[in-house]
């Protein structure tokens, strides 16, 4: 099964930046990478597109071409965890990164904003490392503001 971990943090903590760096560096190291992005609201599909028009009147729209597939679904009867497990069992990736869903029980990297401390994550399970991409004076966390430090951290994390 695919190695799965989470990147968690509050809005504007740098999750997207760190995940993108994991994707790029993982690929450079020869790994296949997959991502699950949790969103708090509905997926916005512009209604003035064919896809938007189809999705307005259907709960299940599949976009396909010779090299890509995007599947939009609504009213899914599966939990987020069941959907994640399905992807874990079907992806060909070496690593699956889950953005958010901090209540799940997978190993986590927690991103802190500049004024936060590890205490803001309270009782959240399996936090393996606290890091920050922002200028911070908080102790007990790794600053990955510097791209070389970030690359070294990501490389080490993926190889462990």
N, C-alpha and C. Protein backbone atom coordinates (compact mmCIF):
# COMPACT_ATOMS: atom_id res chain seq x y z
N UNK A 1 0.84 -1.19 0.00
CA UNK A 1 0.00 0.00 0.00
C UNK A 1 0.88 1.25 0.00
N UNK A 2 0.36 2.31 -0.53
CA UNK A 2 1.07 3.58 -0.65
C UNK A 2 1.39 4.16 0.75
N UNK A 3 2.58 4.71 0.91
CA UNK A 3 2.95 5.40 2.15
C UNK A 3 2.15 6.69 2.22
N UNK A 4 1.42 6.88 3.31
CA UNK A 4 0.50 8.00 3.44
C UNK A 4 0.89 8.87 4.62
N UNK A 5 0.89 10.19 4.41
CA UNK A 5 1.10 11.12 5.51
C UNK A 5 0.29 12.38 5.25
N UNK A 6 0.15 13.17 6.30
CA UNK A 6 -0.64 14.40 6.22
C UNK A 6 0.23 15.62 6.43
N UNK A 7 -0.18 16.71 5.80
CA UNK A 7 0.38 18.02 6.08
C UNK A 7 -0.78 18.87 6.57
N UNK A 8 -0.66 19.33 7.81
CA UNK A 8 -1.74 20.08 8.43
C UNK A 8 -1.23 21.46 8.85
N UNK A 9 -2.15 22.38 8.99
CA UNK A 9 -1.81 23.73 9.44
C UNK A 9 -2.99 24.64 9.19
N UNK A 10 -2.98 25.77 9.85
CA UNK A 10 -4.06 26.73 9.68
C UNK A 10 -3.92 27.46 8.34
N UNK A 11 -4.98 28.13 7.95
CA UNK A 11 -5.00 28.87 6.68
C UNK A 11 -3.80 29.82 6.61
N UNK A 12 -3.15 29.83 5.45
CA UNK A 12 -1.99 30.70 5.17
C UNK A 12 -0.74 30.30 5.97
N UNK A 13 -0.66 29.04 6.39
CA UNK A 13 0.53 28.59 7.12
C UNK A 13 1.62 28.09 6.17
N UNK A 14 1.27 27.84 4.91
CA UNK A 14 2.25 27.38 3.94
C UNK A 14 2.03 25.95 3.47
N UNK A 15 0.86 25.38 3.73
CA UNK A 15 0.58 24.00 3.33
C UNK A 15 0.76 23.78 1.83
N UNK A 16 0.20 24.65 1.02
CA UNK A 16 0.30 24.50 -0.44
C UNK A 16 1.75 24.57 -0.89
N UNK A 17 2.51 25.51 -0.35
CA UNK A 17 3.92 25.64 -0.69
C UNK A 17 4.68 24.37 -0.34
N UNK A 18 4.47 23.87 0.88
CA UNK A 18 5.19 22.68 1.31
C UNK A 18 4.78 21.46 0.50
N UNK A 19 3.50 21.30 0.24
CA UNK A 19 3.04 20.16 -0.57
C UNK A 19 3.63 20.23 -1.98
N UNK A 20 3.60 21.40 -2.59
CA UNK A 20 4.19 21.55 -3.93
C UNK A 20 5.68 21.19 -3.92
N UNK A 21 6.38 21.58 -2.86
CA UNK A 21 7.80 21.23 -2.77
C UNK A 21 7.97 19.72 -2.58
N UNK A 22 7.11 19.09 -1.79
CA UNK A 22 7.15 17.63 -1.66
C UNK A 22 6.93 16.97 -3.02
N UNK A 23 5.98 17.49 -3.80
CA UNK A 23 5.69 16.91 -5.11
C UNK A 23 6.89 17.04 -6.05
N UNK A 24 7.47 18.23 -6.10
CA UNK A 24 8.61 18.48 -7.00
C UNK A 24 9.83 17.66 -6.59
N UNK A 25 10.16 17.71 -5.31
CA UNK A 25 11.37 17.03 -4.83
C UNK A 25 11.16 15.51 -4.89
N UNK A 26 9.98 15.05 -4.52
CA UNK A 26 9.68 13.62 -4.63
C UNK A 26 9.85 13.12 -6.05
N UNK A 27 9.36 13.88 -7.00
CA UNK A 27 9.50 13.51 -8.40
C UNK A 27 10.97 13.50 -8.82
N UNK A 28 11.73 14.50 -8.38
CA UNK A 28 13.16 14.54 -8.69
C UNK A 28 13.90 13.33 -8.12
N UNK A 29 13.41 12.80 -6.99
CA UNK A 29 14.03 11.64 -6.36
C UNK A 29 13.53 10.33 -6.98
N UNK A 30 12.63 10.44 -7.95
CA UNK A 30 12.14 9.24 -8.64
C UNK A 30 10.88 8.63 -8.06
N UNK A 31 10.23 9.34 -7.15
CA UNK A 31 8.99 8.84 -6.55
C UNK A 31 7.77 9.32 -7.32
N UNK A 32 6.75 8.49 -7.33
CA UNK A 32 5.43 8.91 -7.82
C UNK A 32 4.68 9.47 -6.62
N UNK A 33 4.07 10.63 -6.79
CA UNK A 33 3.40 11.31 -5.69
C UNK A 33 1.92 11.49 -6.01
N UNK A 34 1.07 11.40 -4.99
CA UNK A 34 -0.36 11.64 -5.12
C UNK A 34 -0.80 12.55 -3.99
N UNK A 35 -1.89 13.30 -4.20
CA UNK A 35 -2.37 14.26 -3.22
C UNK A 35 -3.88 14.14 -3.07
N UNK A 36 -4.32 14.24 -1.83
CA UNK A 36 -5.74 14.43 -1.54
C UNK A 36 -5.86 15.81 -0.91
N UNK A 37 -6.68 16.66 -1.49
CA UNK A 37 -6.89 18.03 -1.02
C UNK A 37 -8.24 18.11 -0.36
N UNK A 38 -8.26 18.42 0.93
CA UNK A 38 -9.52 18.62 1.63
C UNK A 38 -9.97 20.06 1.45
N UNK A 39 -11.22 20.24 1.15
CA UNK A 39 -11.78 21.58 1.02
C UNK A 39 -12.97 21.72 1.96
N UNK A 40 -13.12 22.89 2.55
CA UNK A 40 -14.20 23.10 3.51
C UNK A 40 -15.53 23.45 2.85
N UNK A 41 -15.49 23.84 1.62
CA UNK A 41 -16.71 24.23 0.92
C UNK A 41 -16.91 23.42 -0.33
N UNK A 42 -17.95 23.72 -1.06
CA UNK A 42 -18.19 22.99 -2.31
C UNK A 42 -17.12 23.32 -3.35
N UNK A 43 -16.88 22.36 -4.24
CA UNK A 43 -15.95 22.59 -5.35
C UNK A 43 -16.64 23.54 -6.32
N UNK A 44 -15.94 24.60 -6.69
CA UNK A 44 -16.51 25.61 -7.57
C UNK A 44 -16.23 25.25 -9.02
N UNK A 45 -17.29 24.92 -9.72
CA UNK A 45 -17.18 24.63 -11.15
C UNK A 45 -17.98 25.72 -11.87
N UNK A 46 -17.31 26.57 -12.64
CA UNK A 46 -18.02 27.67 -13.30
C UNK A 46 -19.20 27.18 -14.14
N UNK A 47 -20.35 27.78 -13.92
CA UNK A 47 -21.57 27.36 -14.62
C UNK A 47 -21.58 27.73 -16.10
N UNK A 48 -20.67 28.60 -16.51
CA UNK A 48 -20.67 29.01 -17.92
C UNK A 48 -19.81 28.07 -18.78
N UNK A 49 -19.35 26.94 -18.20
CA UNK A 49 -18.59 25.95 -18.97
C UNK A 49 -19.49 24.73 -19.22
N UNK A 50 -19.11 23.92 -20.17
CA UNK A 50 -19.85 22.67 -20.41
C UNK A 50 -19.90 21.84 -19.13
N UNK A 51 -18.75 21.71 -18.47
CA UNK A 51 -18.69 20.91 -17.25
C UNK A 51 -19.65 21.46 -16.20
N UNK A 52 -19.66 22.76 -16.02
CA UNK A 52 -20.56 23.38 -15.06
C UNK A 52 -22.01 23.14 -15.39
N UNK A 53 -22.34 23.22 -16.66
CA UNK A 53 -23.73 22.96 -17.09
C UNK A 53 -24.12 21.51 -16.83
N UNK A 54 -23.20 20.58 -17.10
CA UNK A 54 -23.48 19.17 -16.84
C UNK A 54 -23.64 18.93 -15.34
N UNK A 55 -22.74 19.51 -14.55
CA UNK A 55 -22.72 19.28 -13.11
C UNK A 55 -23.95 19.90 -12.43
N UNK A 56 -24.51 20.92 -13.04
CA UNK A 56 -25.71 21.56 -12.49
C UNK A 56 -26.88 20.57 -12.45
N UNK A 57 -26.89 19.62 -13.38
CA UNK A 57 -28.02 18.70 -13.50
C UNK A 57 -27.62 17.24 -13.30
N UNK A 58 -26.40 17.00 -12.83
CA UNK A 58 -25.94 15.63 -12.61
C UNK A 58 -25.03 15.61 -11.39
N UNK A 59 -25.11 14.55 -10.62
CA UNK A 59 -24.25 14.41 -9.44
C UNK A 59 -22.93 13.73 -9.75
N UNK A 60 -22.73 13.35 -11.00
CA UNK A 60 -21.55 12.56 -11.35
C UNK A 60 -21.10 12.93 -12.76
N UNK A 61 -19.98 13.65 -12.87
CA UNK A 61 -19.46 14.07 -14.17
C UNK A 61 -18.00 13.64 -14.26
N UNK A 62 -17.67 12.94 -15.32
CA UNK A 62 -16.31 12.47 -15.54
C UNK A 62 -15.74 13.17 -16.77
N UNK A 63 -14.63 13.87 -16.57
CA UNK A 63 -13.93 14.51 -17.69
C UNK A 63 -12.77 13.61 -18.06
N UNK A 64 -12.67 13.26 -19.34
CA UNK A 64 -11.59 12.37 -19.76
C UNK A 64 -10.98 12.83 -21.07
N UNK A 65 -9.73 12.52 -21.24
CA UNK A 65 -9.06 12.58 -22.54
C UNK A 65 -8.03 11.46 -22.54
N UNK A 66 -7.12 11.45 -23.46
CA UNK A 66 -6.18 10.34 -23.57
C UNK A 66 -5.20 10.24 -22.40
N UNK A 67 -4.99 11.34 -21.66
CA UNK A 67 -3.98 11.31 -20.60
C UNK A 67 -4.47 11.75 -19.23
N UNK A 68 -5.72 12.22 -19.12
CA UNK A 68 -6.20 12.75 -17.84
C UNK A 68 -7.63 12.34 -17.56
N UNK A 69 -7.95 12.32 -16.27
CA UNK A 69 -9.32 12.10 -15.82
C UNK A 69 -9.57 13.01 -14.63
N UNK A 70 -10.70 13.69 -14.61
CA UNK A 70 -11.15 14.45 -13.45
C UNK A 70 -12.59 14.01 -13.20
N UNK A 71 -12.84 13.58 -11.97
CA UNK A 71 -14.16 13.05 -11.63
C UNK A 71 -14.80 13.96 -10.58
N UNK A 72 -15.88 14.62 -10.94
CA UNK A 72 -16.64 15.45 -10.02
C UNK A 72 -17.85 14.65 -9.55
N UNK A 73 -17.98 14.51 -8.24
CA UNK A 73 -19.12 13.78 -7.69
C UNK A 73 -19.73 14.59 -6.55
N UNK A 74 -21.03 14.43 -6.42
CA UNK A 74 -21.79 15.07 -5.34
C UNK A 74 -22.61 14.01 -4.64
N UNK A 75 -23.00 14.26 -3.41
CA UNK A 75 -23.85 13.35 -2.64
C UNK A 75 -23.23 11.96 -2.51
N UNK A 76 -21.96 11.94 -2.22
CA UNK A 76 -21.24 10.68 -2.07
C UNK A 76 -21.62 10.05 -0.74
N UNK A 77 -21.87 8.76 -0.76
CA UNK A 77 -22.30 8.05 0.44
C UNK A 77 -21.14 7.47 1.24
N UNK A 78 -19.90 7.75 0.82
CA UNK A 78 -18.71 7.26 1.52
C UNK A 78 -18.13 8.34 2.40
N UNK A 79 -17.56 7.93 3.51
CA UNK A 79 -16.85 8.88 4.37
C UNK A 79 -15.54 9.30 3.70
N UNK A 80 -14.96 10.37 4.20
CA UNK A 80 -13.66 10.81 3.68
C UNK A 80 -12.63 9.70 3.86
N UNK A 81 -12.67 9.02 5.02
CA UNK A 81 -11.71 7.94 5.26
C UNK A 81 -11.88 6.80 4.27
N UNK A 82 -13.11 6.45 3.95
CA UNK A 82 -13.35 5.38 2.97
C UNK A 82 -12.84 5.79 1.59
N UNK A 83 -13.02 7.05 1.22
CA UNK A 83 -12.51 7.52 -0.06
C UNK A 83 -10.99 7.51 -0.09
N UNK A 84 -10.37 7.87 1.03
CA UNK A 84 -8.90 7.85 1.12
C UNK A 84 -8.41 6.42 0.99
N UNK A 85 -9.04 5.50 1.69
CA UNK A 85 -8.62 4.09 1.61
C UNK A 85 -8.77 3.55 0.20
N UNK A 86 -9.82 3.99 -0.48
CA UNK A 86 -10.00 3.56 -1.87
C UNK A 86 -8.83 4.05 -2.73
N UNK A 87 -8.45 5.31 -2.53
CA UNK A 87 -7.32 5.85 -3.30
C UNK A 87 -6.02 5.14 -2.92
N UNK A 88 -5.84 4.85 -1.63
CA UNK A 88 -4.64 4.13 -1.20
C UNK A 88 -4.52 2.78 -1.91
N UNK A 89 -5.64 2.14 -2.14
CA UNK A 89 -5.65 0.81 -2.76
C UNK A 89 -5.56 0.85 -4.28
N UNK A 90 -5.79 2.00 -4.89
CA UNK A 90 -5.81 2.05 -6.35
C UNK A 90 -4.68 2.88 -6.96
N UNK A 91 -4.09 3.79 -6.21
CA UNK A 91 -3.05 4.63 -6.78
C UNK A 91 -1.77 3.84 -7.02
N UNK A 92 -1.05 4.25 -8.02
CA UNK A 92 0.26 3.66 -8.32
C UNK A 92 1.38 4.47 -7.67
N UNK A 93 1.01 5.50 -6.92
CA UNK A 93 2.00 6.38 -6.30
C UNK A 93 2.77 5.67 -5.18
N UNK A 94 3.96 6.19 -4.93
CA UNK A 94 4.76 5.73 -3.79
C UNK A 94 4.33 6.41 -2.50
N UNK A 95 3.91 7.68 -2.62
CA UNK A 95 3.50 8.48 -1.47
C UNK A 95 2.16 9.15 -1.76
N UNK A 96 1.31 9.19 -0.73
CA UNK A 96 0.04 9.91 -0.78
C UNK A 96 0.06 10.96 0.31
N UNK A 97 -0.04 12.22 -0.10
CA UNK A 97 -0.07 13.34 0.85
C UNK A 97 -1.52 13.77 1.01
N UNK A 98 -1.97 13.83 2.26
CA UNK A 98 -3.31 14.32 2.56
C UNK A 98 -3.17 15.72 3.13
N UNK A 99 -3.80 16.69 2.48
CA UNK A 99 -3.79 18.07 2.97
C UNK A 99 -5.00 18.25 3.87
N UNK A 100 -4.72 18.54 5.14
CA UNK A 100 -5.81 18.76 6.08
C UNK A 100 -6.33 17.48 6.71
N UNK A 101 -7.61 17.52 7.11
CA UNK A 101 -8.27 16.39 7.79
C UNK A 101 -7.46 15.94 9.00
N UNK A 102 -7.09 16.89 9.84
CA UNK A 102 -6.18 16.63 10.95
C UNK A 102 -6.68 15.58 11.93
N UNK A 103 -7.99 15.28 11.92
CA UNK A 103 -8.53 14.29 12.84
C UNK A 103 -8.19 12.85 12.44
N UNK A 104 -7.70 12.66 11.24
CA UNK A 104 -7.32 11.31 10.80
C UNK A 104 -6.05 10.85 11.50
N UNK A 105 -5.84 9.55 11.50
CA UNK A 105 -4.73 8.98 12.26
C UNK A 105 -3.60 8.51 11.35
N UNK A 106 -3.01 9.46 10.62
CA UNK A 106 -1.84 9.19 9.79
C UNK A 106 -0.69 10.04 10.32
N UNK A 107 0.55 9.67 10.02
CA UNK A 107 1.67 10.53 10.41
C UNK A 107 1.50 11.93 9.82
N UNK A 108 1.88 12.94 10.61
CA UNK A 108 1.62 14.32 10.21
C UNK A 108 2.86 15.20 10.33
N UNK A 109 2.91 16.17 9.43
CA UNK A 109 3.80 17.32 9.55
C UNK A 109 2.87 18.49 9.82
N UNK A 110 3.10 19.18 10.93
CA UNK A 110 2.27 20.33 11.29
C UNK A 110 3.01 21.62 10.99
N UNK A 111 2.38 22.46 10.20
CA UNK A 111 2.96 23.77 9.85
C UNK A 111 2.44 24.83 10.80
N UNK A 112 3.36 25.59 11.35
CA UNK A 112 2.99 26.67 12.26
C UNK A 112 3.14 28.02 11.59
N UNK A 113 2.20 28.91 11.88
CA UNK A 113 2.32 30.30 11.44
C UNK A 113 3.27 31.01 12.40
N UNK A 114 3.66 32.21 12.03
CA UNK A 114 4.74 32.88 12.76
C UNK A 114 4.46 33.09 14.25
N UNK A 115 3.22 33.26 14.66
CA UNK A 115 2.92 33.50 16.07
C UNK A 115 2.37 32.28 16.79
N UNK A 116 2.42 31.12 16.16
CA UNK A 116 1.85 29.91 16.77
C UNK A 116 2.92 29.07 17.46
N UNK A 117 2.46 28.27 18.41
CA UNK A 117 3.32 27.29 19.07
C UNK A 117 2.70 25.91 18.85
N UNK A 118 3.47 24.85 19.08
CA UNK A 118 2.90 23.50 18.92
C UNK A 118 1.63 23.26 19.74
N UNK A 119 1.44 24.00 20.81
CA UNK A 119 0.26 23.82 21.67
C UNK A 119 -1.05 24.05 20.92
N UNK A 120 -1.03 24.81 19.81
CA UNK A 120 -2.29 25.07 19.08
C UNK A 120 -2.86 23.80 18.46
N UNK A 121 -2.04 22.75 18.36
CA UNK A 121 -2.52 21.50 17.79
C UNK A 121 -2.97 20.51 18.87
N UNK A 122 -2.93 20.94 20.13
CA UNK A 122 -3.50 20.19 21.24
C UNK A 122 -3.30 18.70 21.20
N UNK A 123 -4.43 17.98 21.10
CA UNK A 123 -4.43 16.52 21.20
C UNK A 123 -4.40 15.82 19.84
N UNK A 124 -4.02 16.48 18.80
CA UNK A 124 -4.00 15.86 17.47
C UNK A 124 -2.93 14.76 17.45
N UNK A 125 -3.29 13.61 16.90
CA UNK A 125 -2.42 12.44 16.94
C UNK A 125 -1.36 12.46 15.83
N UNK A 126 -0.31 11.74 16.09
CA UNK A 126 0.74 11.38 15.13
C UNK A 126 1.48 12.55 14.48
N UNK A 127 1.62 13.65 15.18
CA UNK A 127 2.44 14.74 14.63
C UNK A 127 3.90 14.34 14.79
N UNK A 128 4.57 14.14 13.67
CA UNK A 128 5.96 13.70 13.67
C UNK A 128 6.94 14.87 13.72
N UNK A 129 6.50 16.01 13.16
CA UNK A 129 7.40 17.16 13.11
C UNK A 129 6.61 18.45 13.02
N UNK A 130 7.02 19.45 13.79
CA UNK A 130 6.49 20.80 13.67
C UNK A 130 7.48 21.60 12.85
N UNK A 131 7.00 22.26 11.79
CA UNK A 131 7.87 23.07 10.95
C UNK A 131 7.19 24.40 10.67
N UNK A 132 7.97 25.36 10.17
CA UNK A 132 7.41 26.64 9.77
C UNK A 132 8.14 27.16 8.54
N UNK A 133 7.36 27.69 7.63
CA UNK A 133 7.91 28.34 6.44
C UNK A 133 8.01 29.84 6.69
N UNK A 134 7.42 30.29 7.78
CA UNK A 134 7.37 31.71 8.10
C UNK A 134 8.42 32.04 9.16
N UNK A 135 8.78 33.32 9.23
CA UNK A 135 9.72 33.80 10.24
C UNK A 135 9.11 33.55 11.61
N UNK A 136 9.84 32.85 12.47
CA UNK A 136 9.30 32.53 13.79
C UNK A 136 10.42 32.45 14.81
N UNK A 137 10.07 32.68 16.05
CA UNK A 137 11.03 32.52 17.14
C UNK A 137 10.64 31.35 18.03
N UNK A 138 9.62 30.61 17.62
CA UNK A 138 9.14 29.47 18.39
C UNK A 138 10.20 28.38 18.45
N UNK A 139 10.45 27.88 19.66
CA UNK A 139 11.39 26.78 19.81
C UNK A 139 10.69 25.47 19.51
N UNK A 140 11.44 24.41 19.43
CA UNK A 140 10.91 23.05 19.20
C UNK A 140 10.26 22.89 17.83
N UNK A 141 10.71 23.66 16.86
CA UNK A 141 10.24 23.42 15.51
C UNK A 141 11.37 23.72 14.54
N UNK A 142 11.25 23.14 13.38
CA UNK A 142 12.26 23.32 12.34
C UNK A 142 11.82 24.44 11.41
N UNK A 143 12.67 25.43 11.22
CA UNK A 143 12.39 26.47 10.24
C UNK A 143 12.80 25.95 8.87
N UNK A 144 11.85 25.93 7.95
CA UNK A 144 12.13 25.51 6.58
C UNK A 144 11.89 26.68 5.62
N UNK A 145 12.14 27.89 6.12
CA UNK A 145 12.02 29.08 5.27
C UNK A 145 13.02 29.01 4.13
N UNK A 146 14.24 28.60 4.44
CA UNK A 146 15.30 28.49 3.45
C UNK A 146 15.02 27.28 2.56
N UNK A 147 15.01 27.48 1.26
CA UNK A 147 14.68 26.42 0.31
C UNK A 147 15.62 25.23 0.40
N UNK A 148 16.92 25.48 0.65
CA UNK A 148 17.86 24.37 0.77
C UNK A 148 17.56 23.53 2.02
N UNK A 149 17.21 24.18 3.11
CA UNK A 149 16.84 23.46 4.34
C UNK A 149 15.56 22.67 4.10
N UNK A 150 14.61 23.28 3.41
CA UNK A 150 13.35 22.61 3.09
C UNK A 150 13.59 21.37 2.23
N UNK A 151 14.45 21.52 1.22
CA UNK A 151 14.75 20.39 0.33
C UNK A 151 15.41 19.26 1.12
N UNK A 152 16.33 19.59 2.01
CA UNK A 152 16.99 18.58 2.83
C UNK A 152 15.98 17.89 3.75
N UNK A 153 15.09 18.66 4.35
CA UNK A 153 14.04 18.08 5.22
C UNK A 153 13.14 17.13 4.44
N UNK A 154 12.68 17.56 3.28
CA UNK A 154 11.78 16.75 2.46
C UNK A 154 12.48 15.47 2.00
N UNK A 155 13.71 15.60 1.54
CA UNK A 155 14.47 14.43 1.07
C UNK A 155 14.62 13.41 2.20
N UNK A 156 15.00 13.88 3.36
CA UNK A 156 15.18 12.99 4.52
C UNK A 156 13.83 12.35 4.90
N UNK A 157 12.77 13.14 4.91
CA UNK A 157 11.45 12.63 5.30
C UNK A 157 11.01 11.52 4.34
N UNK A 158 11.18 11.72 3.06
CA UNK A 158 10.74 10.72 2.08
C UNK A 158 11.60 9.47 2.11
N UNK A 159 12.83 9.59 2.48
CA UNK A 159 13.74 8.42 2.49
C UNK A 159 13.64 7.60 3.77
N UNK A 160 13.02 8.16 4.82
CA UNK A 160 12.91 7.43 6.10
C UNK A 160 11.83 6.40 6.07
